[in-house]
Amino acid sequence: MRFRLLTIPLFFLLLQQPQTTFAQGNTGSIGGVTLDKQHLAVEKVTLTIENTQSGLKRSLLSRPDGSFEFSGLLPGEYRLMAEISGFQRSELRIPLEVNRRVRVEVVLSVGVLDQTVQVLDAAPLLHTSDASVGEVVDQEHVSKLPLNGRQFLELSLLVPGVHQSHGAQSGKTNALYWRPGQNSAVSISGGRPNSNNYLLDGTINTDPTFNTYVISLAPDIIREFQIQTGTYSAELGGAGTGQVNVVTKSGTNQVHGSLYHYLRNSVLDARLFTSPSKLPHFSQNQFGGTVGGPLKRDRTFYFGAFEGFRSSQRQSMIMSVPTMMQRMGDFSEGPLIYDPTTTRSNPSFDPSRPASPSNPVQIRSPFPNNQIPMERMNPVAMAILERFVPMPGAGDMDGMAMGDGVNNFLDTRAQRNSFDQFNGRLDHSFANGRQPVWALQSQQ
């Protein structure tokens, strides 16, 4: 069982640190300026921002130049309300994506507070506060687009400049990084797959050895994720090319949940005309559920999820095992076997030349007739051969077996892969609007 505690802000730090401390890579901000119809700044406007799903609110007054900013906001839909005596109340609905710095102009009309100017759908906003290049894959794409194996990173291919790559990050080509079904070999802006940086809820989710992501989340847990392809801001350093910034779902004032089970099975697969009469066994099950809601309305929220994965696929591989003669120490059919007890210095070694197979420092003599005497055979090695190494299967190879012990065994077995994943998240808002997050992710 692997546990990774992503973010644990200490309580006393929450009380002492300023509000901007919580503006990590997964949060954004909404700011701008309050103006009248003549585009003159209006100061001391009471501005209140509210998350439409969780009900979290925060208020402040605009500065003398009319400027304001709400920082450290989690992604979501927000309603911005502005009011001051002598002007009509103004409301704007603003969508905030992960790691975005949104700027708006709140234009106030002369009137009384009983009158309200409401903008239900704000127009797409330009991000003028930074020069970052990238795109957000939103919740609708994450939840509705089909994914083979439910691998969320495949959705990154929707972003311009991102394409599938290869190498150790594919998870199946390197014995040191063997993670089938967890392919993170994507090239962003022409960079290498090992030059990407992965964030999960504002914390590092990058394997330090292979620069792949560590925890692979199910799409049902992800709210949205951002792919930045260049000129990103300083807090997203640590990699030379792409930034993959994932944000998980949080609870709201209403209880929501889901159950799912995705099945792939060879019994249901279609056959090609070149396929055998009976397809090799294949079964893959992905199942789980999510639940989220309030612990205390408008203040504390929870979100939990579980996903299980079970896969069994029958595969065949051609392997090489010792022949019957080789098991008895007879290598007369090859290859050449040298006696280690005959190791000696090479009298013809030329020290003026580099050591090489043609200029060895030491030489050995082969066993007579290329046969290892039975008394020299190690009993432990003989026992391992007897118990764990299969006999050559020439009959299974349809005449392909070779006498020198190369490609002489057809191994067919079920390749099994399984894991369980647990995810938990707790959001709490203090009276001053700060919103620390505790998140626990684990995989088994």
Protein backbone atom coordinates (compact mmCIF):
# COMPACT_ATOMS: atom_id res chain seq x y z
CA MET A 1 0.00 0.00 0.00
CA ARG A 2 1.37 3.39 -1.01
CA PHE A 3 0.07 6.51 0.76
CA ARG A 4 0.86 10.04 -0.39
CA LEU A 5 -0.32 12.99 1.68
CA LEU A 6 -0.55 15.80 -0.82
CA THR A 7 -1.26 18.90 1.27
CA ILE A 8 -1.40 19.27 5.07
CA PRO A 9 -1.37 22.96 6.08
CA LEU A 10 -0.77 23.31 9.82
CA PHE A 11 -3.43 25.16 11.74
CA PHE A 12 -1.15 27.71 13.34
CA LEU A 13 0.35 28.54 9.94
CA LEU A 14 -3.14 29.18 8.65
CA LEU A 15 -3.65 31.76 11.34
CA GLN A 16 -0.33 33.53 10.83
CA GLN A 17 0.25 33.52 7.07
CA PRO A 18 -1.37 36.07 4.72
CA GLN A 19 -4.14 35.11 2.37
CA THR A 20 -1.88 34.82 -0.67
CA THR A 21 -0.10 31.88 0.94
CA PHE A 22 -2.87 29.61 -0.35
CA ALA A 23 -2.51 30.68 -3.99
CA GLN A 24 -0.76 27.57 -5.20
CA GLY A 25 -0.51 26.30 -8.75
CA ASN A 26 -4.03 24.86 -8.64
CA THR A 27 -5.78 28.07 -7.60
CA GLY A 28 -6.64 31.19 -9.55
CA SER A 29 -7.79 34.73 -8.95
CA ILE A 30 -10.50 37.13 -10.06
CA GLY A 31 -9.63 40.80 -10.12
CA GLY A 32 -10.25 43.94 -12.07
CA VAL A 33 -11.49 47.47 -11.61
CA THR A 34 -14.78 49.16 -10.70
CA LEU A 35 -15.83 51.95 -13.07
CA ASP A 36 -18.77 54.23 -13.73
CA LYS A 37 -20.33 54.82 -17.14
CA GLN A 38 -17.63 57.40 -17.97
CA HIS A 39 -14.97 54.76 -17.18
CA LEU A 40 -13.80 56.64 -14.11
CA ALA A 41 -12.63 54.64 -11.11
CA VAL A 42 -15.10 54.13 -8.26
CA GLU A 43 -13.53 53.44 -4.88
CA LYS A 44 -14.85 51.71 -1.75
CA VAL A 45 -17.23 49.54 -3.72
CA THR A 46 -18.28 46.50 -1.67
CA LEU A 47 -17.41 43.47 -3.73
CA THR A 48 -18.58 39.98 -2.76
CA ILE A 49 -17.61 36.81 -4.57
CA GLU A 50 -19.52 33.56 -4.10
CA ASN A 51 -18.95 30.04 -5.37
CA THR A 52 -22.27 29.01 -6.91
CA GLN A 53 -21.86 25.35 -5.90
CA SER A 54 -20.33 25.50 -2.42
CA GLY A 55 -21.72 28.88 -1.31
CA LEU A 56 -18.30 30.06 -0.08
CA LYS A 57 -18.19 33.86 0.07
CA ARG A 58 -15.53 36.52 0.42
CA SER A 59 -15.86 40.31 0.51
CA LEU A 60 -13.58 43.33 0.13
CA LEU A 61 -13.61 47.02 -0.83
CA SER A 62 -12.18 48.37 -4.06
CA ARG A 63 -9.04 50.51 -3.72
CA PRO A 64 -8.84 54.27 -4.48
CA ASP A 65 -7.98 53.48 -8.10
CA GLY A 66 -10.96 51.11 -8.30
CA SER A 67 -8.85 47.98 -8.44
CA PHE A 68 -9.59 44.77 -6.54
CA GLU A 69 -8.48 41.14 -6.50
CA PHE A 70 -9.74 37.89 -4.96
CA SER A 71 -6.81 35.48 -4.86
CA GLY A 72 -6.49 31.82 -3.87
CA LEU A 73 -9.77 30.73 -5.51
CA LEU A 74 -10.35 27.12 -6.43
CA PRO A 75 -11.65 26.42 -9.96
CA GLY A 76 -15.40 26.72 -10.36
CA GLU A 77 -18.32 29.00 -11.20
CA TYR A 78 -18.38 32.29 -9.30
CA ARG A 79 -20.86 35.13 -8.91
CA LEU A 80 -19.33 38.57 -8.38
CA MET A 81 -21.58 41.19 -6.76
CA ALA A 82 -20.74 44.89 -6.53
CA GLU A 83 -22.73 47.49 -4.61
CA ILE A 84 -22.28 51.05 -3.37
CA SER A 85 -24.67 53.80 -2.41
CA GLY A 86 -25.89 55.82 -5.40
CA PHE A 87 -25.36 53.04 -7.95
CA GLN A 88 -27.31 50.02 -9.04
CA ARG A 89 -26.17 46.64 -7.72
CA SER A 90 -24.18 44.73 -10.35
CA GLU A 91 -23.77 40.97 -10.63
CA LEU A 92 -21.49 39.03 -12.96
CA ARG A 93 -21.18 35.28 -13.45
CA ILE A 94 -17.55 34.29 -14.02
CA PRO A 95 -16.13 30.82 -14.77
CA LEU A 96 -12.67 30.33 -13.25
CA GLU A 97 -10.32 27.65 -14.57
CA VAL A 98 -7.30 26.15 -12.85
CA ASN A 99 -4.36 28.53 -12.46
CA ARG A 100 -6.12 31.39 -14.27
CA ARG A 101 -5.85 35.09 -13.43
CA VAL A 102 -9.12 36.57 -14.63
CA ARG A 103 -9.52 40.34 -15.05
CA VAL A 104 -12.93 42.00 -15.44
CA GLU A 105 -14.34 45.50 -15.60
CA VAL A 106 -17.32 46.08 -13.30
CA VAL A 107 -19.25 49.01 -14.79
CA LEU A 108 -21.74 50.58 -12.36
CA SER A 109 -24.82 52.48 -13.45
CA VAL A 110 -26.33 55.36 -11.50
CA GLY A 111 -29.42 54.30 -9.60
CA VAL A 112 -30.58 52.78 -6.34
CA LEU A 113 -29.48 49.53 -4.76
CA ASP A 114 -32.91 47.99 -5.31
CA GLN A 115 -32.08 47.85 -9.01
CA THR A 116 -29.72 45.13 -10.18
CA VAL A 117 -27.79 44.77 -13.41
CA GLN A 118 -27.11 41.06 -13.87
CA VAL A 119 -24.86 39.41 -16.44
CA LEU A 120 -25.74 35.71 -16.53
CA ASP A 121 -23.11 34.51 -18.98
CA ALA A 122 -19.87 36.42 -19.06
CA ALA A 123 -18.10 36.54 -22.42
CA PRO A 124 -14.82 34.62 -22.83
CA LEU A 125 -12.11 36.59 -21.10
CA LEU A 126 -8.61 37.38 -22.26
CA HIS A 127 -5.87 36.46 -19.81
CA THR A 128 -3.85 39.63 -19.87
CA SER A 129 -2.01 39.14 -16.57
CA ASP A 130 0.53 36.64 -17.93
CA ALA A 131 1.90 35.33 -21.21
CA SER A 132 1.37 31.63 -20.56
CA VAL A 133 0.39 29.45 -23.50
CA GLY A 134 -1.81 26.43 -22.96
CA GLU A 135 -5.32 25.11 -22.59
CA VAL A 136 -7.64 23.69 -19.94
CA VAL A 137 -9.40 20.36 -20.47
CA ASP A 138 -12.60 21.06 -18.58
CA GLN A 139 -14.95 18.84 -16.61
CA GLU A 140 -17.28 18.23 -19.55
CA HIS A 141 -14.47 16.78 -21.67
CA VAL A 142 -13.08 14.74 -18.78
CA SER A 143 -16.44 13.17 -17.90
CA LYS A 144 -17.99 12.65 -21.35
CA LEU A 145 -15.24 11.79 -23.82
CA PRO A 146 -14.60 8.03 -24.22
CA LEU A 147 -11.24 6.79 -22.92
CA ASN A 148 -9.78 3.36 -23.55
CA GLY A 149 -8.63 2.24 -20.12
CA ARG A 150 -9.93 5.52 -18.59
CA GLN A 151 -6.50 7.11 -18.82
CA PHE A 152 -7.12 10.83 -18.35
CA LEU A 153 -3.79 11.93 -19.84
CA GLU A 154 -4.99 10.81 -23.29
CA LEU A 155 -7.19 13.92 -23.24
CA SER A 156 -4.03 16.03 -23.32
CA LEU A 157 -3.84 15.17 -27.04
CA LEU A 158 -6.73 17.63 -27.51
CA VAL A 159 -4.36 20.49 -26.70
CA PRO A 160 -2.43 21.96 -29.67
CA GLY A 161 1.26 21.07 -29.57
CA VAL A 162 0.78 17.80 -27.65
CA HIS A 163 1.26 14.40 -29.27
CA GLN A 164 1.91 10.80 -28.29
CA SER A 165 5.56 9.86 -27.81
CA HIS A 166 7.55 6.81 -26.69
CA GLY A 167 10.27 5.72 -24.30
CA ALA A 168 10.43 4.63 -20.66
CA GLN A 169 7.46 6.91 -19.84
CA SER A 170 5.16 4.57 -21.77
CA GLY A 171 5.32 2.28 -18.71
CA LYS A 172 6.02 -0.96 -20.57
CA THR A 173 9.49 -0.67 -22.12
CA ASN A 174 11.72 -0.35 -19.07
CA ALA A 175 11.94 -2.89 -16.25
CA LEU A 176 12.68 -0.08 -13.77
CA TYR A 177 9.47 1.73 -14.71
CA TRP A 178 6.94 -1.00 -15.44
CA ARG A 179 3.45 0.51 -15.18
CA PRO A 180 1.17 -1.03 -17.83
CA GLY A 181 -1.88 1.12 -18.51
CA GLN A 182 -0.22 4.24 -17.09
CA ASN A 183 1.26 5.80 -20.19
CA SER A 184 2.65 9.30 -19.62
CA ALA A 185 4.83 9.41 -22.73
CA VAL A 186 3.48 12.65 -24.21
CA SER A 187 5.56 15.23 -25.99
CA ILE A 188 4.58 18.86 -25.37
CA SER A 189 5.80 21.54 -27.75
CA GLY A 190 8.34 19.14 -29.22
CA GLY A 191 9.97 18.40 -25.86
CA ARG A 192 10.93 15.01 -24.51
CA PRO A 193 8.40 13.09 -22.39
CA ASN A 194 10.80 13.19 -19.42
CA SER A 195 10.82 17.02 -19.49
CA ASN A 196 7.25 17.46 -18.25
CA ASN A 197 6.14 18.46 -14.77
CA TYR A 198 3.01 17.08 -13.10
CA LEU A 199 1.01 18.81 -10.35
CA LEU A 200 -1.92 17.42 -8.37
CA ASP A 201 -3.98 19.92 -6.39
CA GLY A 202 -1.04 22.29 -6.35
CA THR A 203 1.58 19.79 -5.15
CA ILE A 204 4.26 17.85 -7.00
CA ASN A 205 3.05 14.57 -8.53
CA THR A 206 6.22 13.87 -10.54
CA ASP A 207 8.39 10.78 -10.28
CA PRO A 208 11.91 12.14 -9.64
CA THR A 209 13.60 9.38 -11.66
CA PHE A 210 11.57 9.19 -14.86
CA ASN A 211 9.63 12.50 -14.69
CA THR A 212 6.30 10.72 -15.02
CA TYR A 213 3.24 11.25 -12.87
CA VAL A 214 3.06 9.15 -9.70
CA ILE A 215 -0.66 8.90 -8.93
CA SER A 216 -2.96 8.22 -11.88
CA LEU A 217 -6.46 9.42 -11.05
CA ALA A 218 -9.73 8.15 -12.46
CA PRO A 219 -11.64 10.66 -14.64
CA ASP A 220 -14.51 10.65 -12.12
CA ILE A 221 -12.19 12.25 -9.54
CA ILE A 222 -10.80 15.00 -11.78
CA ARG A 223 -12.56 18.32 -12.09
CA GLU A 224 -10.28 19.63 -14.83
CA PHE A 225 -6.63 19.83 -15.76
CA GLN A 226 -4.46 22.36 -17.51
CA ILE A 227 -1.69 21.80 -20.04
CA GLN A 228 0.72 24.73 -20.28
CA THR A 229 3.02 24.51 -23.26
CA GLY A 230 5.24 27.54 -22.74
CA THR A 231 6.04 30.87 -21.05
CA TYR A 232 4.43 29.77 -17.80
CA SER A 233 4.84 31.73 -14.59
CA ALA A 234 7.61 31.21 -12.04
CA GLU A 235 5.67 29.06 -9.55
CA LEU A 236 5.34 26.35 -12.22
CA GLY A 237 9.08 25.87 -12.73
CA GLY A 238 10.92 22.59 -12.40
CA ALA A 239 10.61 21.30 -15.96
CA GLY A 240 11.70 22.49 -19.36
CA THR A 241 8.58 21.94 -21.45
CA GLY A 242 5.03 21.08 -20.38
CA GLN A 243 3.15 21.64 -17.14
CA VAL A 244 0.27 19.22 -16.43
CA ASN A 245 -1.81 20.74 -13.62
CA VAL A 246 -4.61 18.49 -12.30
CA VAL A 247 -7.36 19.58 -9.91
CA THR A 248 -9.63 17.06 -8.15
CA LYS A 249 -13.30 17.50 -7.43
CA SER A 250 -14.50 18.87 -4.12
CA GLY A 251 -17.76 18.57 -2.25
CA THR A 252 -20.62 21.06 -2.57
CA ASN A 253 -23.71 22.02 -0.60
CA GLN A 254 -25.59 19.16 -2.25
CA VAL A 255 -24.75 15.49 -1.91
CA HIS A 256 -23.68 13.97 -5.22
CA GLY A 257 -22.42 10.49 -5.99
CA SER A 258 -21.88 8.00 -8.78
CA LEU A 259 -21.33 4.28 -9.34
CA TYR A 260 -19.77 2.77 -12.43
CA HIS A 261 -18.47 -0.48 -13.89
CA TYR A 262 -16.70 -0.68 -17.24
CA LEU A 263 -16.23 -4.13 -18.77
CA ARG A 264 -14.14 -5.41 -21.65
CA ASN A 265 -14.21 -9.13 -22.41
CA SER A 266 -13.04 -11.37 -25.24
CA VAL A 267 -16.51 -12.98 -25.29
CA LEU A 268 -17.94 -9.66 -26.46
CA ASP A 269 -15.13 -8.82 -28.92
CA ALA A 270 -15.68 -8.99 -32.66
CA ARG A 271 -13.50 -11.36 -34.71
CA LEU A 272 -11.51 -10.43 -37.78
CA PHE A 273 -11.50 -12.89 -40.66
CA THR A 274 -7.86 -13.63 -39.80
CA SER A 275 -8.63 -14.33 -36.12
CA PRO A 276 -8.62 -17.89 -34.75
CA SER A 277 -11.93 -19.62 -34.07
CA LYS A 278 -11.50 -18.90 -30.36
CA LEU A 279 -10.06 -15.57 -29.30
CA PRO A 280 -7.40 -15.52 -26.54
CA HIS A 281 -8.90 -14.86 -23.14
CA PHE A 282 -9.14 -11.20 -22.20
CA SER A 283 -11.08 -9.66 -19.33
CA GLN A 284 -10.82 -6.11 -17.97
CA ASN A 285 -12.98 -4.61 -15.23
CA GLN A 286 -12.89 -1.07 -13.90
CA PHE A 287 -15.38 -0.31 -11.17
CA GLY A 288 -15.86 2.19 -8.39
CA GLY A 289 -17.83 5.12 -7.11
CA THR A 290 -17.66 8.67 -5.78
CA VAL A 291 -19.55 10.64 -3.15
CA GLY A 292 -19.28 14.26 -2.08
CA GLY A 293 -21.27 16.71 0.00
CA PRO A 294 -21.26 19.10 2.96
CA LEU A 295 -20.14 18.37 6.50
CA LYS A 296 -21.27 21.89 7.39
CA ARG A 297 -23.18 23.88 4.82
CA ASP A 298 -21.28 26.79 3.23
CA ARG A 299 -18.21 25.92 5.31
CA THR A 300 -16.84 22.33 5.27
CA PHE A 301 -17.06 19.82 2.42
CA TYR A 302 -15.88 16.27 1.73
CA PHE A 303 -15.28 14.22 -1.40
CA GLY A 304 -14.27 10.54 -1.52
CA ALA A 305 -13.78 8.01 -4.27
CA PHE A 306 -12.73 4.42 -4.90
CA GLU A 307 -11.71 2.64 -8.10
CA GLY A 308 -10.69 -0.96 -8.64
CA PHE A 309 -8.95 -2.34 -11.72
CA ARG A 310 -8.70 -6.00 -12.72
CA SER A 311 -7.20 -7.20 -15.99
CA SER A 312 -6.37 -10.69 -17.23
CA GLN A 313 -5.10 -11.23 -20.77
CA ARG A 314 -3.72 -14.42 -22.22
CA GLN A 315 -0.47 -13.73 -24.10
CA SER A 316 2.13 -15.85 -25.85
CA MET A 317 5.88 -15.25 -25.90
CA ILE A 318 8.71 -17.16 -27.59
CA MET A 319 11.48 -17.85 -25.09
CA SER A 320 14.77 -19.72 -24.86
CA VAL A 321 15.35 -22.50 -22.31
CA PRO A 322 18.23 -25.02 -21.95
CA THR A 323 17.96 -28.18 -24.04
CA MET A 324 18.13 -31.68 -22.51
CA MET A 325 21.82 -31.97 -23.46
CA GLN A 326 22.63 -28.55 -21.98
CA ARG A 327 20.94 -29.52 -18.73
CA MET A 328 23.49 -32.34 -18.47
CA GLY A 329 26.39 -30.00 -19.23
CA ASP A 330 26.77 -30.99 -22.90
CA PHE A 331 27.16 -27.85 -25.05
CA SER A 332 28.59 -29.63 -28.07
CA GLU A 333 25.84 -28.03 -30.17
CA GLY A 334 26.94 -24.58 -28.95
CA PRO A 335 27.70 -22.11 -27.62
CA LEU A 336 31.38 -22.37 -26.60
CA ILE A 337 31.80 -22.83 -22.81
CA TYR A 338 35.04 -21.82 -21.07
CA ASP A 339 36.48 -23.37 -17.90
CA PRO A 340 36.89 -20.56 -15.28
CA THR A 341 39.61 -22.51 -13.47
CA THR A 342 41.93 -22.12 -16.48
CA THR A 343 42.00 -18.32 -16.33
CA ARG A 344 45.54 -17.02 -16.86
CA SER A 345 47.45 -14.01 -18.15
CA ASN A 346 47.69 -13.59 -21.89
CA PRO A 347 51.39 -13.72 -22.89
CA SER A 348 50.50 -12.03 -26.19
CA PHE A 349 48.79 -9.05 -24.58
CA ASP A 350 50.00 -5.76 -26.11
CA PRO A 351 49.88 -3.02 -23.41
CA SER A 352 50.28 -0.33 -26.07
CA ARG A 353 46.82 -1.21 -27.38
CA PRO A 354 43.47 -1.03 -25.57
CA ALA A 355 42.17 -4.26 -24.07
CA SER A 356 39.63 -5.86 -26.39
CA PRO A 357 38.46 -9.34 -27.52
CA SER A 358 41.33 -9.34 -30.02
CA ASN A 359 43.81 -8.16 -27.35
CA PRO A 360 42.63 -9.75 -24.06
CA VAL A 361 44.43 -9.28 -20.77
CA GLN A 362 43.48 -12.79 -19.64
CA ILE A 363 42.57 -15.96 -21.51
CA ARG A 364 40.73 -19.18 -20.64
CA SER A 365 40.48 -22.60 -22.21
CA PRO A 366 37.17 -24.21 -23.21
CA PHE A 367 35.97 -27.41 -21.57
CA PRO A 368 37.09 -30.56 -23.39
CA ASN A 369 34.58 -31.38 -26.12
CA ASN A 370 32.61 -28.35 -24.85
CA GLN A 371 31.15 -30.47 -22.06
CA ILE A 372 31.01 -29.53 -18.35
CA PRO A 373 31.88 -32.57 -16.18
CA MET A 374 28.98 -33.72 -14.01
CA GLU A 375 31.10 -33.37 -10.85
CA ARG A 376 31.49 -29.67 -11.69
CA MET A 377 27.72 -29.11 -11.91
CA ASN A 378 26.35 -27.09 -8.97
CA PRO A 379 23.55 -29.01 -7.17
CA VAL A 380 21.68 -25.76 -6.42
CA ALA A 381 21.69 -24.80 -10.10
CA MET A 382 20.52 -28.32 -11.02
CA ALA A 383 17.64 -28.07 -8.54
CA ILE A 384 16.56 -24.68 -9.96
CA LEU A 385 16.64 -26.10 -13.48
CA GLU A 386 14.54 -29.05 -12.38
CA ARG A 387 11.91 -27.10 -10.46
CA PHE A 388 11.56 -23.73 -12.17
CA VAL A 389 12.89 -23.87 -15.74
CA PRO A 390 10.51 -25.58 -18.20
CA MET A 391 11.58 -28.17 -20.72
CA PRO A 392 11.92 -27.19 -24.39
CA GLY A 393 8.57 -27.30 -26.17
CA ALA A 394 9.53 -28.20 -29.74
CA GLY A 395 6.06 -29.56 -30.43
CA ASP A 396 4.46 -26.23 -29.53
CA MET A 397 6.81 -24.35 -31.82
CA ASP A 398 5.67 -26.07 -35.04
CA GLY A 399 9.22 -26.94 -36.08
CA MET A 400 10.73 -23.59 -35.08
CA ALA A 401 12.80 -24.96 -32.18
CA MET A 402 16.56 -24.86 -32.58
CA GLY A 403 18.97 -27.34 -31.05
CA ASP A 404 21.25 -24.69 -29.54
CA GLY A 405 18.60 -23.62 -27.02
CA VAL A 406 17.41 -20.49 -28.83
CA ASN A 407 13.68 -19.75 -29.33
CA ASN A 408 12.69 -23.25 -28.32
CA PHE A 409 9.77 -22.65 -25.95
CA LEU A 410 6.34 -21.11 -26.46
CA ASP A 411 5.10 -19.63 -23.18
CA THR A 412 1.37 -18.90 -22.99
CA ARG A 413 -0.10 -17.57 -19.78
CA ALA A 414 -2.50 -14.97 -18.42
CA GLN A 415 -0.90 -11.59 -17.78
CA ARG A 416 -2.65 -10.17 -14.72
CA ASN A 417 -2.73 -6.57 -13.52
CA SER A 418 -4.78 -5.23 -10.63
CA PHE A 419 -4.84 -2.28 -8.25
CA ASP A 420 -7.17 -0.40 -5.92
CA GLN A 421 -7.23 3.35 -5.53
CA PHE A 422 -8.67 5.40 -2.67
CA ASN A 423 -9.06 9.18 -2.76
CA GLY A 424 -10.26 11.59 -0.13
CA ARG A 425 -10.50 15.36 0.02
CA LEU A 426 -11.63 17.79 2.74
CA ASP A 427 -12.23 21.49 2.11
CA HIS A 428 -12.84 24.02 4.87
CA SER A 429 -13.34 27.77 4.72
CA PHE A 430 -12.53 29.93 7.71
CA ALA A 431 -14.39 33.15 8.47
CA ASN A 432 -11.75 35.24 6.68
CA GLY A 433 -12.25 33.35 3.43
CA ARG A 434 -9.12 31.24 3.57
CA GLN A 435 -9.65 27.78 2.18
CA PRO A 436 -6.96 25.20 2.98
CA VAL A 437 -7.37 21.72 1.54
CA TRP A 438 -6.46 18.36 3.00
CA ALA A 439 -6.18 15.63 0.37
CA LEU A 440 -5.22 11.98 0.74
CA GLN A 441 -4.47 9.83 -2.29
CA SER A 442 -3.43 6.18 -2.15
CA GLN A 443 -2.87 3.32 -4.58
CA GLN A 444 -2.40 -0.36 -3.90
